[in-house]
Amino acid sequence: MRRNQPSPRCSFLQQINEVSFAVNDMLLYLDTHPEDQKALRYFSDISDRRNQLMAEYAEKYGPLTIDNAAVSSENAWKWSQQPFPWEKEGV
């Protein structure tokens, strides 16, 4: 039996979730190890990656946060006209 493949949008969200987890995890680590240069570089890299993914997602599907509203398409700002999360079955 073949499983349904996740949509490109779901795959994109999964990438954002994974890198966001890493960003949050590194923030916690750096709270107790603020002088760890390797961790600081890694945090910078994954933060940049998260920002890139968030901007790309906003451009394609609309912003996930207010921080990315400016990079989304002009129609994405019309929040009330977009479907609510529970109206996006199987997305």
PDB file of N, CA and C in Angstrom:
ATOM      1  N   MET A   1       0.837  -1.172   0.000  1.00  0.00           N
ATOM      2  CA  MET A   1       0.000   0.000   0.000  1.00  0.00           C
ATOM      3  C   MET A   1       0.887   1.243   0.000  1.00  0.00           C
ATOM      4  N   ARG A   2       0.600   2.173  -0.878  1.00  0.00           N
ATOM      5  CA  ARG A   2       1.406   3.383  -1.027  1.00  0.00           C
ATOM      6  C   ARG A   2       0.828   4.519  -0.186  1.00  0.00           C
ATOM      7  N   ARG A   3       1.694   5.150   0.573  1.00  0.00           N
ATOM      8  CA  ARG A   3       1.278   6.293   1.385  1.00  0.00           C
ATOM      9  C   ARG A   3       1.203   7.538   0.526  1.00  0.00           C
ATOM     10  N   ASN A   4       0.348   8.444   0.938  1.00  0.00           N
ATOM     11  CA  ASN A   4       0.274   9.730   0.253  1.00  0.00           C
ATOM     12  C   ASN A   4       1.558  10.506   0.492  1.00  0.00           C
ATOM     13  N   GLN A   5       2.046  11.119  -0.556  1.00  0.00           N
ATOM     14  CA  GLN A   5       3.244  11.948  -0.445  1.00  0.00           C
ATOM     15  C   GLN A   5       2.834  13.317   0.106  1.00  0.00           C
ATOM     16  N   PRO A   6       3.657  13.879   0.993  1.00  0.00           N
ATOM     17  CA  PRO A   6       3.323  15.216   1.501  1.00  0.00           C
ATOM     18  C   PRO A   6       3.391  16.243   0.372  1.00  0.00           C
ATOM     19  N   SER A   7       2.561  17.240   0.457  1.00  0.00           N
ATOM     20  CA  SER A   7       2.562  18.307  -0.549  1.00  0.00           C
ATOM     21  C   SER A   7       3.866  19.100  -0.438  1.00  0.00           C
ATOM     22  N   PRO A   8       4.236  19.792  -1.506  1.00  0.00           N
ATOM     23  CA  PRO A   8       5.437  20.639  -1.424  1.00  0.00           C
ATOM     24  C   PRO A   8       5.347  21.653  -0.280  1.00  0.00           C
ATOM     25  N   ARG A   9       4.141  22.156  -0.040  1.00  0.00           N
ATOM     26  CA  ARG A   9       3.950  23.118   1.044  1.00  0.00           C
ATOM     27  C   ARG A   9       4.230  22.481   2.402  1.00  0.00           C
ATOM     28  N   CYS A  10       3.741  21.256   2.604  1.00  0.00           N
ATOM     29  CA  CYS A  10       3.996  20.547   3.864  1.00  0.00           C
ATOM     30  C   CYS A  10       5.478  20.247   4.033  1.00  0.00           C
ATOM     31  N   SER A  11       6.133  19.866   2.966  1.00  0.00           N
ATOM     32  CA  SER A  11       7.573  19.599   3.024  1.00  0.00           C
ATOM     33  C   SER A  11       8.340  20.864   3.387  1.00  0.00           C
ATOM     34  N   PHE A  12       7.919  21.973   2.816  1.00  0.00           N
ATOM     35  CA  PHE A  12       8.540  23.266   3.101  1.00  0.00           C
ATOM     36  C   PHE A  12       8.363  23.610   4.578  1.00  0.00           C
ATOM     37  N   LEU A  13       7.142  23.438   5.094  1.00  0.00           N
ATOM     38  CA  LEU A  13       6.875  23.709   6.509  1.00  0.00           C
ATOM     39  C   LEU A  13       7.699  22.799   7.410  1.00  0.00           C
ATOM     40  N   GLN A  14       7.882  21.549   6.994  1.00  0.00           N
ATOM     41  CA  GLN A  14       8.696  20.621   7.783  1.00  0.00           C
ATOM     42  C   GLN A  14      10.136  21.115   7.876  1.00  0.00           C
ATOM     43  N   GLN A  15      10.682  21.604   6.775  1.00  0.00           N
ATOM     44  CA  GLN A  15      12.040  22.158   6.797  1.00  0.00           C
ATOM     45  C   GLN A  15      12.126  23.346   7.755  1.00  0.00           C
ATOM     46  N   ILE A  16      11.119  24.214   7.699  1.00  0.00           N
ATOM     47  CA  ILE A  16      11.091  25.381   8.592  1.00  0.00           C
ATOM     48  C   ILE A  16      11.007  24.927  10.042  1.00  0.00           C
ATOM     49  N   ASN A  17      10.178  23.942  10.327  1.00  0.00           N
ATOM     50  CA  ASN A  17      10.062  23.431  11.695  1.00  0.00           C
ATOM     51  C   ASN A  17      11.379  22.856  12.196  1.00  0.00           C
ATOM     52  N   GLU A  18      12.055  22.111  11.351  1.00  0.00           N
ATOM     53  CA  GLU A  18      13.318  21.484  11.753  1.00  0.00           C
ATOM     54  C   GLU A  18      14.395  22.526  12.046  1.00  0.00           C
ATOM     55  N   VAL A  19      14.546  23.490  11.165  1.00  0.00           N
ATOM     56  CA  VAL A  19      15.584  24.501  11.384  1.00  0.00           C
ATOM     57  C   VAL A  19      15.193  25.418  12.543  1.00  0.00           C
ATOM     58  N   SER A  20      13.901  25.665  12.733  1.00  0.00           N
ATOM     59  CA  SER A  20      13.451  26.474  13.868  1.00  0.00           C
ATOM     60  C   SER A  20      13.754  25.772  15.184  1.00  0.00           C
ATOM     61  N   PHE A  21      13.591  24.461  15.212  1.00  0.00           N
ATOM     62  CA  PHE A  21      13.934  23.693  16.408  1.00  0.00           C
ATOM     63  C   PHE A  21      15.421  23.849  16.717  1.00  0.00           C
ATOM     64  N   ALA A  22      16.256  23.748  15.681  1.00  0.00           N
ATOM     65  CA  ALA A  22      17.701  23.889  15.875  1.00  0.00           C
ATOM     66  C   ALA A  22      18.050  25.290  16.378  1.00  0.00           C
ATOM     67  N   VAL A  23      17.406  26.309  15.846  1.00  0.00           N
ATOM     68  CA  VAL A  23      17.645  27.683  16.307  1.00  0.00           C
ATOM     69  C   VAL A  23      17.297  27.804  17.785  1.00  0.00           C
ATOM     70  N   ASN A  24      16.127  27.311  18.171  1.00  0.00           N
ATOM     71  CA  ASN A  24      15.708  27.394  19.575  1.00  0.00           C
ATOM     72  C   ASN A  24      16.632  26.599  20.487  1.00  0.00           C
ATOM     73  N   ASP A  25      17.050  25.431  20.031  1.00  0.00           N
ATOM     74  CA  ASP A  25      17.950  24.598  20.818  1.00  0.00           C
ATOM     75  C   ASP A  25      19.292  25.302  21.039  1.00  0.00           C
ATOM     76  N   MET A  26      19.796  25.933  19.992  1.00  0.00           N
ATOM     77  CA  MET A  26      21.065  26.648  20.115  1.00  0.00           C
ATOM     78  C   MET A  26      20.939  27.870  21.023  1.00  0.00           C
ATOM     79  N   LEU A  27      19.781  28.529  20.993  1.00  0.00           N
ATOM     80  CA  LEU A  27      19.569  29.652  21.912  1.00  0.00           C
ATOM     81  C   LEU A  27      19.681  29.192  23.363  1.00  0.00           C
ATOM     82  N   LEU A  28      19.088  28.057  23.655  1.00  0.00           N
ATOM     83  CA  LEU A  28      19.165  27.516  25.017  1.00  0.00           C
ATOM     84  C   LEU A  28      20.605  27.162  25.388  1.00  0.00           C
ATOM     85  N   TYR A  29      21.314  26.526  24.469  1.00  0.00           N
ATOM     86  CA  TYR A  29      22.708  26.161  24.714  1.00  0.00           C
ATOM     87  C   TYR A  29      23.556  27.411  24.955  1.00  0.00           C
ATOM     88  N   LEU A  30      23.351  28.430  24.119  1.00  0.00           N
ATOM     89  CA  LEU A  30      24.156  29.645  24.235  1.00  0.00           C
ATOM     90  C   LEU A  30      23.849  30.441  25.496  1.00  0.00           C
ATOM     91  N   ASP A  31      22.683  30.207  26.091  1.00  0.00           N
ATOM     92  CA  ASP A  31      22.391  30.842  27.380  1.00  0.00           C
ATOM     93  C   ASP A  31      23.398  30.420  28.443  1.00  0.00           C
ATOM     94  N   THR A  32      23.874  29.195  28.354  1.00  0.00           N
ATOM     95  CA  THR A  32      24.817  28.676  29.348  1.00  0.00           C
ATOM     96  C   THR A  32      26.249  28.573  28.830  1.00  0.00           C
ATOM     97  N   HIS A  33      26.443  28.770  27.526  1.00  0.00           N
ATOM     98  CA  HIS A  33      27.777  28.693  26.926  1.00  0.00           C
ATOM     99  C   HIS A  33      27.988  29.869  25.955  1.00  0.00           C
ATOM    100  N   PRO A  34      27.884  31.093  26.436  1.00  0.00           N
ATOM    101  CA  PRO A  34      27.927  32.253  25.534  1.00  0.00           C
ATOM    102  C   PRO A  34      29.269  32.494  24.847  1.00  0.00           C
ATOM    103  N   GLU A  35      30.318  31.842  25.312  1.00  0.00           N
ATOM    104  CA  GLU A  35      31.644  32.041  24.726  1.00  0.00           C
ATOM    105  C   GLU A  35      32.011  30.963  23.704  1.00  0.00           C
ATOM    106  N   ASP A  36      31.148  30.009  23.453  1.00  0.00           N
ATOM    107  CA  ASP A  36      31.423  28.896  22.539  1.00  0.00           C
ATOM    108  C   ASP A  36      31.357  29.411  21.095  1.00  0.00           C
ATOM    109  N   GLN A  37      32.521  29.656  20.516  1.00  0.00           N
ATOM    110  CA  GLN A  37      32.588  30.250  19.176  1.00  0.00           C
ATOM    111  C   GLN A  37      32.009  29.335  18.098  1.00  0.00           C
ATOM    112  N   LYS A  38      32.228  28.055  18.235  1.00  0.00           N
ATOM    113  CA  LYS A  38      31.678  27.108  17.259  1.00  0.00           C
ATOM    114  C   LYS A  38      30.147  27.138  17.305  1.00  0.00           C
ATOM    115  N   ALA A  39      29.582  27.184  18.491  1.00  0.00           N
ATOM    116  CA  ALA A  39      28.132  27.248  18.648  1.00  0.00           C
ATOM    117  C   ALA A  39      27.588  28.572  18.117  1.00  0.00           C
ATOM    118  N   LEU A  40      28.307  29.656  18.338  1.00  0.00           N
ATOM    119  CA  LEU A  40      27.878  30.956  17.829  1.00  0.00           C
ATOM    120  C   LEU A  40      27.849  30.982  16.298  1.00  0.00           C
ATOM    121  N   ARG A  41      28.863  30.382  15.677  1.00  0.00           N
ATOM    122  CA  ARG A  41      28.887  30.305  14.214  1.00  0.00           C
ATOM    123  C   ARG A  41      27.741  29.442  13.695  1.00  0.00           C
ATOM    124  N   TYR A  42      27.519  28.300  14.361  1.00  0.00           N
ATOM    125  CA  TYR A  42      26.426  27.413  13.956  1.00  0.00           C
ATOM    126  C   TYR A  42      25.084  28.130  14.106  1.00  0.00           C
ATOM    127  N   PHE A  43      24.895  28.828  15.224  1.00  0.00           N
ATOM    128  CA  PHE A  43      23.662  29.574  15.442  1.00  0.00           C
ATOM    129  C   PHE A  43      23.455  30.608  14.339  1.00  0.00           C
ATOM    130  N   SER A  44      24.503  31.311  13.975  1.00  0.00           N
ATOM    131  CA  SER A  44      24.413  32.310  12.908  1.00  0.00           C
ATOM    132  C   SER A  44      24.003  31.652  11.590  1.00  0.00           C
ATOM    133  N   ASP A  45      24.620  30.520  11.280  1.00  0.00           N
ATOM    134  CA  ASP A  45      24.308  29.805  10.036  1.00  0.00           C
ATOM    135  C   ASP A  45      22.857  29.329   9.994  1.00  0.00           C
ATOM    136  N   ILE A  46      22.394  28.704  11.075  1.00  0.00           N
ATOM    137  CA  ILE A  46      21.026  28.179  11.041  1.00  0.00           C
ATOM    138  C   ILE A  46      19.987  29.296  11.144  1.00  0.00           C
ATOM    139  N   SER A  47      20.338  30.394  11.796  1.00  0.00           N
ATOM    140  CA  SER A  47      19.432  31.547  11.827  1.00  0.00           C
ATOM    141  C   SER A  47      19.276  32.126  10.426  1.00  0.00           C
ATOM    142  N   ASP A  48      20.391  32.229   9.720  1.00  0.00           N
ATOM    143  CA  ASP A  48      20.338  32.715   8.329  1.00  0.00           C
ATOM    144  C   ASP A  48      19.499  31.777   7.472  1.00  0.00           C
ATOM    145  N   ARG A  49      19.689  30.478   7.655  1.00  0.00           N
ATOM    146  CA  ARG A  49      18.921  29.483   6.886  1.00  0.00           C
ATOM    147  C   ARG A  49      17.431  29.605   7.194  1.00  0.00           C
ATOM    148  N   ARG A  50      17.086  29.774   8.467  1.00  0.00           N
ATOM    149  CA  ARG A  50      15.681  29.920   8.839  1.00  0.00           C
ATOM    150  C   ARG A  50      15.084  31.175   8.202  1.00  0.00           C
ATOM    151  N   ASN A  51      15.816  32.278   8.256  1.00  0.00           N
ATOM    152  CA  ASN A  51      15.331  33.518   7.644  1.00  0.00           C
ATOM    153  C   ASN A  51      15.116  33.350   6.143  1.00  0.00           C
ATOM    154  N   GLN A  52      16.032  32.636   5.508  1.00  0.00           N
ATOM    155  CA  GLN A  52      15.918  32.375   4.065  1.00  0.00           C
ATOM    156  C   GLN A  52      14.670  31.534   3.770  1.00  0.00           C
ATOM    157  N   LEU A  53      14.478  30.466   4.537  1.00  0.00           N
ATOM    158  CA  LEU A  53      13.313  29.606   4.332  1.00  0.00           C
ATOM    159  C   LEU A  53      12.009  30.360   4.588  1.00  0.00           C
ATOM    160  N   MET A  54      11.988  31.170   5.639  1.00  0.00           N
ATOM    161  CA  MET A  54      10.784  31.935   5.956  1.00  0.00           C
ATOM    162  C   MET A  54      10.458  32.926   4.834  1.00  0.00           C
ATOM    163  N   ALA A  55      11.473  33.564   4.281  1.00  0.00           N
ATOM    164  CA  ALA A  55      11.261  34.510   3.186  1.00  0.00           C
ATOM    165  C   ALA A  55      10.758  33.786   1.937  1.00  0.00           C
ATOM    166  N   GLU A  56      11.346  32.639   1.623  1.00  0.00           N
ATOM    167  CA  GLU A  56      10.907  31.864   0.458  1.00  0.00           C
ATOM    168  C   GLU A  56       9.470  31.377   0.631  1.00  0.00           C
ATOM    169  N   TYR A  57       9.151  30.920   1.828  1.00  0.00           N
ATOM    170  CA  TYR A  57       7.789  30.460   2.094  1.00  0.00           C
ATOM    171  C   TYR A  57       6.800  31.618   1.936  1.00  0.00           C
ATOM    172  N   ALA A  58       7.138  32.777   2.494  1.00  0.00           N
ATOM    173  CA  ALA A  58       6.261  33.950   2.398  1.00  0.00           C
ATOM    174  C   ALA A  58       6.037  34.356   0.953  1.00  0.00           C
ATOM    175  N   GLU A  59       7.067  34.243   0.155  1.00  0.00           N
ATOM    176  CA  GLU A  59       6.965  34.599  -1.253  1.00  0.00           C
ATOM    177  C   GLU A  59       6.014  33.659  -1.996  1.00  0.00           C
ATOM    178  N   LYS A  60       6.072  32.371  -1.663  1.00  0.00           N
ATOM    179  CA  LYS A  60       5.250  31.377  -2.362  1.00  0.00           C
ATOM    180  C   LYS A  60       3.840  31.241  -1.809  1.00  0.00           C
ATOM    181  N   TYR A  61       3.726  31.237  -0.470  1.00  0.00           N
ATOM    182  CA  TYR A  61       2.452  30.874   0.151  1.00  0.00           C
ATOM    183  C   TYR A  61       1.857  31.946   1.061  1.00  0.00           C
ATOM    184  N   GLY A  62       2.589  32.981   1.339  1.00  0.00           N
ATOM    185  CA  GLY A  62       2.142  33.991   2.290  1.00  0.00           C
ATOM    186  C   GLY A  62       2.942  33.878   3.570  1.00  0.00           C
ATOM    187  N   PRO A  63       2.962  34.950   4.344  1.00  0.00           N
ATOM    188  CA  PRO A  63       3.815  34.989   5.535  1.00  0.00           C
ATOM    189  C   PRO A  63       3.314  34.088   6.662  1.00  0.00           C
ATOM    190  N   LEU A  64       4.262  33.497   7.376  1.00  0.00           N
ATOM    191  CA  LEU A  64       3.941  32.726   8.579  1.00  0.00           C
ATOM    192  C   LEU A  64       3.948  33.622   9.804  1.00  0.00           C
ATOM    193  N   THR A  65       4.718  34.667   9.751  1.00  0.00           N
ATOM    194  CA  THR A  65       4.803  35.630  10.847  1.00  0.00           C
ATOM    195  C   THR A  65       4.754  37.035  10.257  1.00  0.00           C
ATOM    196  N   ILE A  66       4.503  37.993  11.107  1.00  0.00           N
ATOM    197  CA  ILE A  66       4.456  39.386  10.656  1.00  0.00           C
ATOM    198  C   ILE A  66       5.821  39.831  10.134  1.00  0.00           C
ATOM    199  N   ASP A  67       6.880  39.206  10.615  1.00  0.00           N
ATOM    200  CA  ASP A  67       8.230  39.555  10.171  1.00  0.00           C
ATOM    201  C   ASP A  67       8.434  39.335   8.685  1.00  0.00           C
ATOM    202  N   ASN A  68       7.680  38.426   8.103  1.00  0.00           N
ATOM    203  CA  ASN A  68       7.844  38.094   6.696  1.00  0.00           C
ATOM    204  C   ASN A  68       6.742  38.668   5.814  1.00  0.00           C
ATOM    205  N   ALA A  69       5.901  39.492   6.371  1.00  0.00           N
ATOM    206  CA  ALA A  69       4.789  40.039   5.596  1.00  0.00           C
ATOM    207  C   ALA A  69       5.278  40.891   4.428  1.00  0.00           C
ATOM    208  N   ALA A  70       6.367  41.597   4.606  1.00  0.00           N
ATOM    209  CA  ALA A  70       6.867  42.486   3.560  1.00  0.00           C
ATOM    210  C   ALA A  70       7.429  41.723   2.366  1.00  0.00           C
ATOM    211  N   VAL A  71       7.907  40.496   2.565  1.00  0.00           N
ATOM    212  CA  VAL A  71       8.507  39.755   1.458  1.00  0.00           C
ATOM    213  C   VAL A  71       7.500  38.893   0.715  1.00  0.00           C
ATOM    214  N   SER A  72       6.282  38.814   1.220  1.00  0.00           N
ATOM    215  CA  SER A  72       5.279  38.001   0.541  1.00  0.00           C
ATOM    216  C   SER A  72       4.687  38.786  -0.617  1.00  0.00           C
ATOM    217  N   SER A  73       3.975  38.088  -1.446  1.00  0.00           N
ATOM    218  CA  SER A  73       3.361  38.748  -2.594  1.00  0.00           C
ATOM    219  C   SER A  73       2.337  39.777  -2.123  1.00  0.00           C
ATOM    220  N   GLU A  74       2.021  40.704  -2.976  1.00  0.00           N
ATOM    221  CA  GLU A  74       1.120  41.788  -2.576  1.00  0.00           C
ATOM    222  C   GLU A  74      -0.249  41.285  -2.155  1.00  0.00           C
ATOM    223  N   ASN A  75      -0.718  40.177  -2.692  1.00  0.00           N
ATOM    224  CA  ASN A  75      -2.030  39.643  -2.333  1.00  0.00           C
ATOM    225  C   ASN A  75      -2.012  38.914  -0.998  1.00  0.00           C
ATOM    226  N   ALA A  76      -0.841  38.510  -0.533  1.00  0.00           N
ATOM    227  CA  ALA A  76      -0.753  37.741   0.710  1.00  0.00           C
ATOM    228  C   ALA A  76      -1.067  38.599   1.930  1.00  0.00           C
ATOM    229  N   TRP A  77      -1.020  39.910   1.780  1.00  0.00           N
ATOM    230  CA  TRP A  77      -1.292  40.771   2.923  1.00  0.00           C
ATOM    231  C   TRP A  77      -2.769  40.755   3.291  1.00  0.00           C
ATOM    232  N   LYS A  78      -3.602  40.313   2.408  1.00  0.00           N
ATOM    233  CA  LYS A  78      -5.038  40.287   2.644  1.00  0.00           C
ATOM    234  C   LYS A  78      -5.392  39.073   3.515  1.00  0.00           C
ATOM    235  N   TRP A  79      -5.054  39.183   4.803  1.00  0.00           N
ATOM    236  CA  TRP A  79      -5.198  38.073   5.734  1.00  0.00           C
ATOM    237  C   TRP A  79      -6.612  37.508   5.758  1.00  0.00           C
ATOM    238  N   SER A  80      -7.595  38.366   5.756  1.00  0.00           N
ATOM    239  CA  SER A  80      -8.974  37.905   5.889  1.00  0.00           C
ATOM    240  C   SER A  80      -9.469  37.141   4.671  1.00  0.00           C
ATOM    241  N   GLN A  81      -8.781  37.264   3.554  1.00  0.00           N
ATOM    242  CA  GLN A  81      -9.193  36.575   2.339  1.00  0.00           C
ATOM    243  C   GLN A  81      -8.484  35.243   2.153  1.00  0.00           C
ATOM    244  N   GLN A  82      -7.482  34.978   2.969  1.00  0.00           N
ATOM    245  CA  GLN A  82      -6.788  33.698   2.886  1.00  0.00           C
ATOM    246  C   GLN A  82      -7.561  32.668   3.692  1.00  0.00           C
ATOM    247  N   PRO A  83      -7.470  31.391   3.301  1.00  0.00           N
ATOM    248  CA  PRO A  83      -8.139  30.361   4.092  1.00  0.00           C
ATOM    249  C   PRO A  83      -7.483  30.219   5.469  1.00  0.00           C
ATOM    250  N   PHE A  84      -8.293  29.964   6.473  1.00  0.00           N
ATOM    251  CA  PHE A  84      -7.776  29.714   7.805  1.00  0.00           C
ATOM    252  C   PHE A  84      -7.105  28.338   7.819  1.00  0.00           C
ATOM    253  N   PRO A  85      -6.182  28.084   8.769  1.00  0.00           N
ATOM    254  CA  PRO A  85      -5.469  26.804   8.787  1.00  0.00           C
ATOM    255  C   PRO A  85      -6.399  25.588   8.761  1.00  0.00           C
ATOM    256  N   TRP A  86      -7.520  25.644   9.442  1.00  0.00           N
ATOM    257  CA  TRP A  86      -8.419  24.491   9.479  1.00  0.00           C
ATOM    258  C   TRP A  86      -9.214  24.341   8.183  1.00  0.00           C
ATOM    259  N   GLU A  87      -9.117  25.316   7.294  1.00  0.00           N
ATOM    260  CA  GLU A  87      -9.771  25.227   5.985  1.00  0.00           C
ATOM    261  C   GLU A  87      -8.835  24.666   4.925  1.00  0.00           C
ATOM    262  N   LYS A  88      -7.612  24.343   5.295  1.00  0.00           N
ATOM    263  CA  LYS A  88      -6.592  23.870   4.356  1.00  0.00           C
ATOM    264  C   LYS A  88      -6.350  22.382   4.542  1.00  0.00           C
ATOM    265  N   GLU A  89      -7.353  21.579   4.461  1.00  0.00           N
ATOM    266  CA  GLU A  89      -7.194  20.148   4.658  1.00  0.00           C
ATOM    267  C   GLU A  89      -6.198  19.568   3.669  1.00  0.00           C
ATOM    268  N   GLY A  90      -5.299  18.747   4.174  1.00  0.00           N
ATOM    269  CA  GLY A  90      -4.355  18.039   3.328  1.00  0.00           C
ATOM    270  C   GLY A  90      -3.300  18.905   2.695  1.00  0.00           C
ATOM    271  N   VAL A  91      -3.110  20.112   3.196  1.00  0.00           N
ATOM    272  CA  VAL A  91      -2.101  21.007   2.621  1.00  0.00           C
ATOM    273  C   VAL A  91      -0.754  20.660   3.189  1.00  0.00           C
TER     274      VAL A  91
END
